[in-house]
Amino acid sequence: SLGGAEASADSVADAIIRHQDIFV
């Protein structure tokens, strides 16, 4: 919504989803 690149938004979302996957 702020005009960021889709690839950046995807990278951020992927990292947030996985940031507590400590035991994988």
mmCIF file of all heavy atoms, coordinates in Angstrom:
data_MODEL
# 
_entry.id   MODEL 
# 
loop_
_atom_site.group_PDB 
_atom_site.id 
_atom_site.type_symbol 
_atom_site.label_atom_id 
_atom_site.label_alt_id 
_atom_site.label_comp_id 
_atom_site.label_asym_id 
_atom_site.label_entity_id 
_atom_site.label_seq_id 
_atom_site.pdbx_PDB_ins_code 
_atom_site.Cartn_x 
_atom_site.Cartn_y 
_atom_site.Cartn_z 
_atom_site.occupancy 
_atom_site.B_iso_or_equiv 
_atom_site.pdbx_formal_charge 
_atom_site.auth_seq_id 
_atom_site.auth_comp_id 
_atom_site.auth_asym_id 
_atom_site.auth_atom_id 
_atom_site.pdbx_PDB_model_num 
ATOM 1   N N   . SER A 1 1  ? 0.823  -1.217  0.000  1.00 0.00 ? 1  SER A N   1 
ATOM 2   C CA  . SER A 1 1  ? 0.000  0.000   0.000  1.00 0.00 ? 1  SER A CA  1 
ATOM 3   C C   . SER A 1 1  ? 0.853  1.263   0.000  1.00 0.00 ? 1  SER A C   1 
ATOM 4   O O   . SER A 1 1  ? 0.402  2.326   -0.443 1.00 0.00 ? 1  SER A O   1 
ATOM 5   C CB  . SER A 1 1  ? -0.933 0.010   1.219  1.00 0.00 ? 1  SER A CB  1 
ATOM 6   O OG  . SER A 1 1  ? -0.225 0.300   2.416  1.00 0.00 ? 1  SER A OG  1 
ATOM 7   N N   . LEU A 1 2  ? 2.084  1.146   0.482  1.00 0.00 ? 2  LEU A N   1 
ATOM 8   C CA  . LEU A 1 2  ? 3.002  2.283   0.538  1.00 0.00 ? 2  LEU A CA  1 
ATOM 9   C C   . LEU A 1 2  ? 3.901  2.365   -0.697 1.00 0.00 ? 2  LEU A C   1 
ATOM 10  O O   . LEU A 1 2  ? 4.807  3.198   -0.753 1.00 0.00 ? 2  LEU A O   1 
ATOM 11  C CB  . LEU A 1 2  ? 3.867  2.195   1.799  1.00 0.00 ? 2  LEU A CB  1 
ATOM 12  C CG  . LEU A 1 2  ? 3.115  2.329   3.131  1.00 0.00 ? 2  LEU A CG  1 
ATOM 13  C CD1 . LEU A 1 2  ? 4.045  2.026   4.298  1.00 0.00 ? 2  LEU A CD1 1 
ATOM 14  C CD2 . LEU A 1 2  ? 2.513  3.722   3.270  1.00 0.00 ? 2  LEU A CD2 1 
ATOM 15  N N   . GLY A 1 3  ? 3.642  1.503   -1.662 1.00 0.00 ? 3  GLY A N   1 
ATOM 16  C CA  . GLY A 1 3  ? 4.401  1.548   -2.903 1.00 0.00 ? 3  GLY A CA  1 
ATOM 17  C C   . GLY A 1 3  ? 5.658  0.721   -2.907 1.00 0.00 ? 3  GLY A C   1 
ATOM 18  O O   . GLY A 1 3  ? 6.488  0.860   -3.816 1.00 0.00 ? 3  GLY A O   1 
ATOM 19  N N   . GLY A 1 4  ? 5.836  -0.148  -1.914 1.00 0.00 ? 4  GLY A N   1 
ATOM 20  C CA  . GLY A 1 4  ? 7.010  -1.009  -1.878 1.00 0.00 ? 4  GLY A CA  1 
ATOM 21  C C   . GLY A 1 4  ? 6.966  -2.068  -2.958 1.00 0.00 ? 4  GLY A C   1 
ATOM 22  O O   . GLY A 1 4  ? 5.893  -2.435  -3.458 1.00 0.00 ? 4  GLY A O   1 
ATOM 23  N N   . ALA A 1 5  ? 8.120  -2.560  -3.335 1.00 0.00 ? 5  ALA A N   1 
ATOM 24  C CA  . ALA A 1 5  ? 8.204  -3.603  -4.354 1.00 0.00 ? 5  ALA A CA  1 
ATOM 25  C C   . ALA A 1 5  ? 7.566  -4.887  -3.854 1.00 0.00 ? 5  ALA A C   1 
ATOM 26  O O   . ALA A 1 5  ? 7.686  -5.242  -2.673 1.00 0.00 ? 5  ALA A O   1 
ATOM 27  C CB  . ALA A 1 5  ? 9.669  -3.853  -4.711 1.00 0.00 ? 5  ALA A CB  1 
ATOM 28  N N   . GLU A 1 6  ? 6.882  -5.602  -4.737 1.00 0.00 ? 6  GLU A N   1 
ATOM 29  C CA  . GLU A 1 6  ? 6.232  -6.843  -4.342 1.00 0.00 ? 6  GLU A CA  1 
ATOM 30  C C   . GLU A 1 6  ? 7.251  -7.862  -3.834 1.00 0.00 ? 6  GLU A C   1 
ATOM 31  O O   . GLU A 1 6  ? 6.987  -8.594  -2.880 1.00 0.00 ? 6  GLU A O   1 
ATOM 32  C CB  . GLU A 1 6  ? 5.440  -7.436  -5.506 1.00 0.00 ? 6  GLU A CB  1 
ATOM 33  C CG  . GLU A 1 6  ? 4.635  -8.665  -5.110 1.00 0.00 ? 6  GLU A CG  1 
ATOM 34  C CD  . GLU A 1 6  ? 3.682  -9.138  -6.189 1.00 0.00 ? 6  GLU A CD  1 
ATOM 35  O OE1 . GLU A 1 6  ? 3.761  -8.613  -7.321 1.00 0.00 ? 6  GLU A OE1 1 
ATOM 36  O OE2 . GLU A 1 6  ? 2.857  -10.022 -5.906 1.00 0.00 ? 6  GLU A OE2 1 
ATOM 37  N N   . ALA A 1 7  ? 8.424  -7.900  -4.457 1.00 0.00 ? 7  ALA A N   1 
ATOM 38  C CA  . ALA A 1 7  ? 9.450  -8.834  -4.010 1.00 0.00 ? 7  ALA A CA  1 
ATOM 39  C C   . ALA A 1 7  ? 9.899  -8.521  -2.580 1.00 0.00 ? 7  ALA A C   1 
ATOM 40  O O   . ALA A 1 7  ? 10.152 -9.427  -1.784 1.00 0.00 ? 7  ALA A O   1 
ATOM 41  C CB  . ALA A 1 7  ? 10.641 -8.812  -4.956 1.00 0.00 ? 7  ALA A CB  1 
ATOM 42  N N   . SER A 1 8  ? 9.992  -7.241  -2.247 1.00 0.00 ? 8  SER A N   1 
ATOM 43  C CA  . SER A 1 8  ? 10.343 -6.854  -0.885 1.00 0.00 ? 8  SER A CA  1 
ATOM 44  C C   . SER A 1 8  ? 9.247  -7.262  0.090  1.00 0.00 ? 8  SER A C   1 
ATOM 45  O O   . SER A 1 8  ? 9.519  -7.818  1.157  1.00 0.00 ? 8  SER A O   1 
ATOM 46  C CB  . SER A 1 8  ? 10.579 -5.345  -0.812 1.00 0.00 ? 8  SER A CB  1 
ATOM 47  O OG  . SER A 1 8  ? 10.862 -4.943  0.519  1.00 0.00 ? 8  SER A OG  1 
ATOM 48  N N   . ALA A 1 9  ? 7.999  -7.002  -0.280 1.00 0.00 ? 9  ALA A N   1 
ATOM 49  C CA  . ALA A 1 9  ? 6.864  -7.377  0.569  1.00 0.00 ? 9  ALA A CA  1 
ATOM 50  C C   . ALA A 1 9  ? 6.818  -8.881  0.784  1.00 0.00 ? 9  ALA A C   1 
ATOM 51  O O   . ALA A 1 9  ? 6.539  -9.362  1.892  1.00 0.00 ? 9  ALA A O   1 
ATOM 52  C CB  . ALA A 1 9  ? 5.559  -6.883  -0.059 1.00 0.00 ? 9  ALA A CB  1 
ATOM 53  N N   . ASP A 1 10 ? 7.112  -9.637  -0.276 1.00 0.00 ? 10 ASP A N   1 
ATOM 54  C CA  . ASP A 1 10 ? 7.124  -11.095 -0.160 1.00 0.00 ? 10 ASP A CA  1 
ATOM 55  C C   . ASP A 1 10 ? 8.250  -11.573 0.756  1.00 0.00 ? 10 ASP A C   1 
ATOM 56  O O   . ASP A 1 10 ? 8.063  -12.486 1.574  1.00 0.00 ? 10 ASP A O   1 
ATOM 57  C CB  . ASP A 1 10 ? 7.295  -11.736 -1.533 1.00 0.00 ? 10 ASP A CB  1 
ATOM 58  C CG  . ASP A 1 10 ? 6.057  -11.644 -2.407 1.00 0.00 ? 10 ASP A CG  1 
ATOM 59  O OD1 . ASP A 1 10 ? 4.978  -11.294 -1.884 1.00 0.00 ? 10 ASP A OD1 1 
ATOM 60  O OD2 . ASP A 1 10 ? 6.169  -11.932 -3.622 1.00 0.00 ? 10 ASP A OD2 1 
ATOM 61  N N   . SER A 1 11 ? 9.417  -10.963 0.621  1.00 0.00 ? 11 SER A N   1 
ATOM 62  C CA  . SER A 1 11 ? 10.560 -11.342 1.449  1.00 0.00 ? 11 SER A CA  1 
ATOM 63  C C   . SER A 1 11 ? 10.267 -11.068 2.924  1.00 0.00 ? 11 SER A C   1 
ATOM 64  O O   . SER A 1 11 ? 10.548 -11.901 3.796  1.00 0.00 ? 11 SER A O   1 
ATOM 65  C CB  . SER A 1 11 ? 11.805 -10.571 1.002  1.00 0.00 ? 11 SER A CB  1 
ATOM 66  O OG  . SER A 1 11 ? 12.938 -10.944 1.753  1.00 0.00 ? 11 SER A OG  1 
ATOM 67  N N   . VAL A 1 12 ? 9.681  -9.916  3.204  1.00 0.00 ? 12 VAL A N   1 
ATOM 68  C CA  . VAL A 1 12 ? 9.321  -9.562  4.574  1.00 0.00 ? 12 VAL A CA  1 
ATOM 69  C C   . VAL A 1 12 ? 8.292  -10.541 5.132  1.00 0.00 ? 12 VAL A C   1 
ATOM 70  O O   . VAL A 1 12 ? 8.438  -11.056 6.247  1.00 0.00 ? 12 VAL A O   1 
ATOM 71  C CB  . VAL A 1 12 ? 8.778  -8.119  4.636  1.00 0.00 ? 12 VAL A CB  1 
ATOM 72  C CG1 . VAL A 1 12 ? 8.168  -7.825  6.004  1.00 0.00 ? 12 VAL A CG1 1 
ATOM 73  C CG2 . VAL A 1 12 ? 9.887  -7.117  4.323  1.00 0.00 ? 12 VAL A CG2 1 
ATOM 74  N N   . ALA A 1 13 ? 7.254  -10.824 4.359  1.00 0.00 ? 13 ALA A N   1 
ATOM 75  C CA  . ALA A 1 13 ? 6.198  -11.722 4.829  1.00 0.00 ? 13 ALA A CA  1 
ATOM 76  C C   . ALA A 1 13 ? 6.739  -13.122 5.095  1.00 0.00 ? 13 ALA A C   1 
ATOM 77  O O   . ALA A 1 13 ? 6.406  -13.754 6.113  1.00 0.00 ? 13 ALA A O   1 
ATOM 78  C CB  . ALA A 1 13 ? 5.065  -11.774 3.805  1.00 0.00 ? 13 ALA A CB  1 
ATOM 79  N N   . ASP A 1 14 ? 7.570  -13.610 4.198  1.00 0.00 ? 14 ASP A N   1 
ATOM 80  C CA  . ASP A 1 14 ? 8.139  -14.946 4.374  1.00 0.00 ? 14 ASP A CA  1 
ATOM 81  C C   . ASP A 1 14 ? 8.970  -15.017 5.653  1.00 0.00 ? 14 ASP A C   1 
ATOM 82  O O   . ASP A 1 14 ? 8.868  -15.982 6.423  1.00 0.00 ? 14 ASP A O   1 
ATOM 83  C CB  . ASP A 1 14 ? 9.003  -15.298 3.157  1.00 0.00 ? 14 ASP A CB  1 
ATOM 84  C CG  . ASP A 1 14 ? 9.334  -16.773 3.079  1.00 0.00 ? 14 ASP A CG  1 
ATOM 85  O OD1 . ASP A 1 14 ? 8.527  -17.542 2.535  1.00 0.00 ? 14 ASP A OD1 1 
ATOM 86  O OD2 . ASP A 1 14 ? 10.420 -17.159 3.564  1.00 0.00 ? 14 ASP A OD2 1 
ATOM 87  N N   . ALA A 1 15 ? 9.781  -13.987 5.877  1.00 0.00 ? 15 ALA A N   1 
ATOM 88  C CA  . ALA A 1 15 ? 10.622 -13.963 7.070  1.00 0.00 ? 15 ALA A CA  1 
ATOM 89  C C   . ALA A 1 15 ? 9.788  -13.890 8.349  1.00 0.00 ? 15 ALA A C   1 
ATOM 90  O O   . ALA A 1 15 ? 10.094 -14.563 9.344  1.00 0.00 ? 15 ALA A O   1 
ATOM 91  C CB  . ALA A 1 15 ? 11.589 -12.780 7.008  1.00 0.00 ? 15 ALA A CB  1 
ATOM 92  N N   . ILE A 1 16 ? 8.724  -13.096 8.334  1.00 0.00 ? 16 ILE A N   1 
ATOM 93  C CA  . ILE A 1 16 ? 7.873  -12.966 9.526  1.00 0.00 ? 16 ILE A CA  1 
ATOM 94  C C   . ILE A 1 16 ? 7.161  -14.275 9.824  1.00 0.00 ? 16 ILE A C   1 
ATOM 95  O O   . ILE A 1 16 ? 7.096  -14.719 10.978 1.00 0.00 ? 16 ILE A O   1 
ATOM 96  C CB  . ILE A 1 16 ? 6.872  -11.811 9.352  1.00 0.00 ? 16 ILE A CB  1 
ATOM 97  C CG1 . ILE A 1 16 ? 7.611  -10.468 9.335  1.00 0.00 ? 16 ILE A CG1 1 
ATOM 98  C CG2 . ILE A 1 16 ? 5.830  -11.825 10.470 1.00 0.00 ? 16 ILE A CG2 1 
ATOM 99  C CD1 . ILE A 1 16 ? 6.730  -9.277  9.018  1.00 0.00 ? 16 ILE A CD1 1 
ATOM 100 N N   . ILE A 1 17 ? 6.613  -14.911 8.798  1.00 0.00 ? 17 ILE A N   1 
ATOM 101 C CA  . ILE A 1 17 ? 5.916  -16.188 9.002  1.00 0.00 ? 17 ILE A CA  1 
ATOM 102 C C   . ILE A 1 17 ? 6.839  -17.200 9.676  1.00 0.00 ? 17 ILE A C   1 
ATOM 103 O O   . ILE A 1 17 ? 6.425  -17.941 10.570 1.00 0.00 ? 17 ILE A O   1 
ATOM 104 C CB  . ILE A 1 17 ? 5.409  -16.751 7.662  1.00 0.00 ? 17 ILE A CB  1 
ATOM 105 C CG1 . ILE A 1 17 ? 4.218  -15.934 7.161  1.00 0.00 ? 17 ILE A CG1 1 
ATOM 106 C CG2 . ILE A 1 17 ? 5.021  -18.225 7.789  1.00 0.00 ? 17 ILE A CG2 1 
ATOM 107 C CD1 . ILE A 1 17 ? 3.805  -16.260 5.737  1.00 0.00 ? 17 ILE A CD1 1 
ATOM 108 N N   . ARG A 1 18 ? 8.099  -17.202 9.275  1.00 0.00 ? 18 ARG A N   1 
ATOM 109 C CA  . ARG A 1 18 ? 9.017  -18.257 9.710  1.00 0.00 ? 18 ARG A CA  1 
ATOM 110 C C   . ARG A 1 18 ? 9.901  -17.856 10.888 1.00 0.00 ? 18 ARG A C   1 
ATOM 111 O O   . ARG A 1 18 ? 10.731 -18.658 11.324 1.00 0.00 ? 18 ARG A O   1 
ATOM 112 C CB  . ARG A 1 18 ? 9.898  -18.687 8.530  1.00 0.00 ? 18 ARG A CB  1 
ATOM 113 C CG  . ARG A 1 18 ? 9.104  -19.258 7.365  1.00 0.00 ? 18 ARG A CG  1 
ATOM 114 C CD  . ARG A 1 18 ? 10.018 -19.876 6.319  1.00 0.00 ? 18 ARG A CD  1 
ATOM 115 N NE  . ARG A 1 18 ? 10.748 -21.012 6.857  1.00 0.00 ? 18 ARG A NE  1 
ATOM 116 C CZ  . ARG A 1 18 ? 11.686 -21.683 6.176  1.00 0.00 ? 18 ARG A CZ  1 
ATOM 117 N NH1 . ARG A 1 18 ? 12.018 -21.298 4.957  1.00 0.00 ? 18 ARG A NH1 1 
ATOM 118 N NH2 . ARG A 1 18 ? 12.304 -22.712 6.721  1.00 0.00 ? 18 ARG A NH2 1 
ATOM 119 N N   . HIS A 1 19 ? 9.715  -16.679 11.449 1.00 0.00 ? 19 HIS A N   1 
ATOM 120 C CA  . HIS A 1 19 ? 10.716 -16.207 12.404 1.00 0.00 ? 19 HIS A CA  1 
ATOM 121 C C   . HIS A 1 19 ? 10.723 -16.954 13.731 1.00 0.00 ? 19 HIS A C   1 
ATOM 122 O O   . HIS A 1 19 ? 11.674 -16.831 14.503 1.00 0.00 ? 19 HIS A O   1 
ATOM 123 C CB  . HIS A 1 19 ? 10.627 -14.684 12.608 1.00 0.00 ? 19 HIS A CB  1 
ATOM 124 C CG  . HIS A 1 19 ? 9.642  -14.198 13.619 1.00 0.00 ? 19 HIS A CG  1 
ATOM 125 N ND1 . HIS A 1 19 ? 8.344  -13.860 13.302 1.00 0.00 ? 19 HIS A ND1 1 
ATOM 126 C CD2 . HIS A 1 19 ? 9.777  -13.955 14.949 1.00 0.00 ? 19 HIS A CD2 1 
ATOM 127 C CE1 . HIS A 1 19 ? 7.732  -13.425 14.382 1.00 0.00 ? 19 HIS A CE1 1 
ATOM 128 N NE2 . HIS A 1 19 ? 8.573  -13.477 15.401 1.00 0.00 ? 19 HIS A NE2 1 
ATOM 129 N N   . GLN A 1 20 ? 9.693  -17.780 13.979 1.00 0.00 ? 20 GLN A N   1 
ATOM 130 C CA  . GLN A 1 20 ? 9.721  -18.623 15.177 1.00 0.00 ? 20 GLN A CA  1 
ATOM 131 C C   . GLN A 1 20 ? 9.839  -20.110 14.839 1.00 0.00 ? 20 GLN A C   1 
ATOM 132 O O   . GLN A 1 20 ? 9.585  -20.959 15.697 1.00 0.00 ? 20 GLN A O   1 
ATOM 133 C CB  . GLN A 1 20 ? 8.488  -18.369 16.050 1.00 0.00 ? 20 GLN A CB  1 
ATOM 134 C CG  . GLN A 1 20 ? 8.506  -17.018 16.739 1.00 0.00 ? 20 GLN A CG  1 
ATOM 135 C CD  . GLN A 1 20 ? 7.707  -16.985 18.027 1.00 0.00 ? 20 GLN A CD  1 
ATOM 136 O OE1 . GLN A 1 20 ? 8.192  -16.534 19.058 1.00 0.00 ? 20 GLN A OE1 1 
ATOM 137 N NE2 . GLN A 1 20 ? 6.477  -17.451 17.979 1.00 0.00 ? 20 GLN A NE2 1 
ATOM 138 N N   . ASP A 1 21 ? 10.293 -20.433 13.637 1.00 0.00 ? 21 ASP A N   1 
ATOM 139 C CA  . ASP A 1 21 ? 10.546 -21.829 13.264 1.00 0.00 ? 21 ASP A CA  1 
ATOM 140 C C   . ASP A 1 21 ? 11.915 -22.259 13.792 1.00 0.00 ? 21 ASP A C   1 
ATOM 141 O O   . ASP A 1 21 ? 12.787 -22.707 13.042 1.00 0.00 ? 21 ASP A O   1 
ATOM 142 C CB  . ASP A 1 21 ? 10.502 -22.002 11.750 1.00 0.00 ? 21 ASP A CB  1 
ATOM 143 C CG  . ASP A 1 21 ? 9.083  -22.070 11.214 1.00 0.00 ? 21 ASP A CG  1 
ATOM 144 O OD1 . ASP A 1 21 ? 8.145  -22.196 12.021 1.00 0.00 ? 21 ASP A OD1 1 
ATOM 145 O OD2 . ASP A 1 21 ? 8.917  -22.002 9.986  1.00 0.00 ? 21 ASP A OD2 1 
ATOM 146 N N   . ILE A 1 22 ? 12.077 -22.162 15.077 1.00 0.00 ? 22 ILE A N   1 
ATOM 147 C CA  . ILE A 1 22 ? 13.395 -22.364 15.687 1.00 0.00 ? 22 ILE A CA  1 
ATOM 148 C C   . ILE A 1 22 ? 13.802 -23.837 15.701 1.00 0.00 ? 22 ILE A C   1 
ATOM 149 O O   . ILE A 1 22 ? 14.987 -24.168 15.704 1.00 0.00 ? 22 ILE A O   1 
ATOM 150 C CB  . ILE A 1 22 ? 13.398 -21.808 17.124 1.00 0.00 ? 22 ILE A CB  1 
ATOM 151 C CG1 . ILE A 1 22 ? 12.992 -20.322 17.115 1.00 0.00 ? 22 ILE A CG1 1 
ATOM 152 C CG2 . ILE A 1 22 ? 14.744 -21.991 17.794 1.00 0.00 ? 22 ILE A CG2 1 
ATOM 153 C CD1 . ILE A 1 22 ? 13.892 -19.447 16.273 1.00 0.00 ? 22 ILE A CD1 1 
ATOM 154 N N   . PHE A 1 23 ? 12.827 -24.741 15.682 1.00 0.00 ? 23 PHE A N   1 
ATOM 155 C CA  . PHE A 1 23 ? 13.142 -26.157 15.848 1.00 0.00 ? 23 PHE A CA  1 
ATOM 156 C C   . PHE A 1 23 ? 13.167 -26.936 14.535 1.00 0.00 ? 23 PHE A C   1 
ATOM 157 O O   . PHE A 1 23 ? 13.329 -28.146 14.546 1.00 0.00 ? 23 PHE A O   1 
ATOM 158 C CB  . PHE A 1 23 ? 12.136 -26.788 16.821 1.00 0.00 ? 23 PHE A CB  1 
ATOM 159 C CG  . PHE A 1 23 ? 12.109 -26.102 18.155 1.00 0.00 ? 23 PHE A CG  1 
ATOM 160 C CD1 . PHE A 1 23 ? 11.015 -25.352 18.550 1.00 0.00 ? 23 PHE A CD1 1 
ATOM 161 C CD2 . PHE A 1 23 ? 13.197 -26.180 19.013 1.00 0.00 ? 23 PHE A CD2 1 
ATOM 162 C CE1 . PHE A 1 23 ? 10.995 -24.700 19.773 1.00 0.00 ? 23 PHE A CE1 1 
ATOM 163 C CE2 . PHE A 1 23 ? 13.188 -25.538 20.233 1.00 0.00 ? 23 PHE A CE2 1 
ATOM 164 C CZ  . PHE A 1 23 ? 12.089 -24.795 20.621 1.00 0.00 ? 23 PHE A CZ  1 
ATOM 165 N N   . VAL A 1 24 ? 13.033 -26.235 13.412 1.00 0.00 ? 24 VAL A N   1 
ATOM 166 C CA  . VAL A 1 24 ? 13.125 -26.897 12.115 1.00 0.00 ? 24 VAL A CA  1 
ATOM 167 C C   . VAL A 1 24 ? 14.593 -27.144 11.807 1.00 0.00 ? 24 VAL A C   1 
ATOM 168 O O   . VAL A 1 24 ? 15.385 -26.208 11.736 1.00 0.00 ? 24 VAL A O   1 
ATOM 169 C CB  . VAL A 1 24 ? 12.488 -26.031 11.006 1.00 0.00 ? 24 VAL A CB  1 
ATOM 170 C CG1 . VAL A 1 24 ? 12.670 -26.686 9.649  1.00 0.00 ? 24 VAL A CG1 1 
ATOM 171 C CG2 . VAL A 1 24 ? 11.008 -25.806 11.302 1.00 0.00 ? 24 VAL A CG2 1 
# 
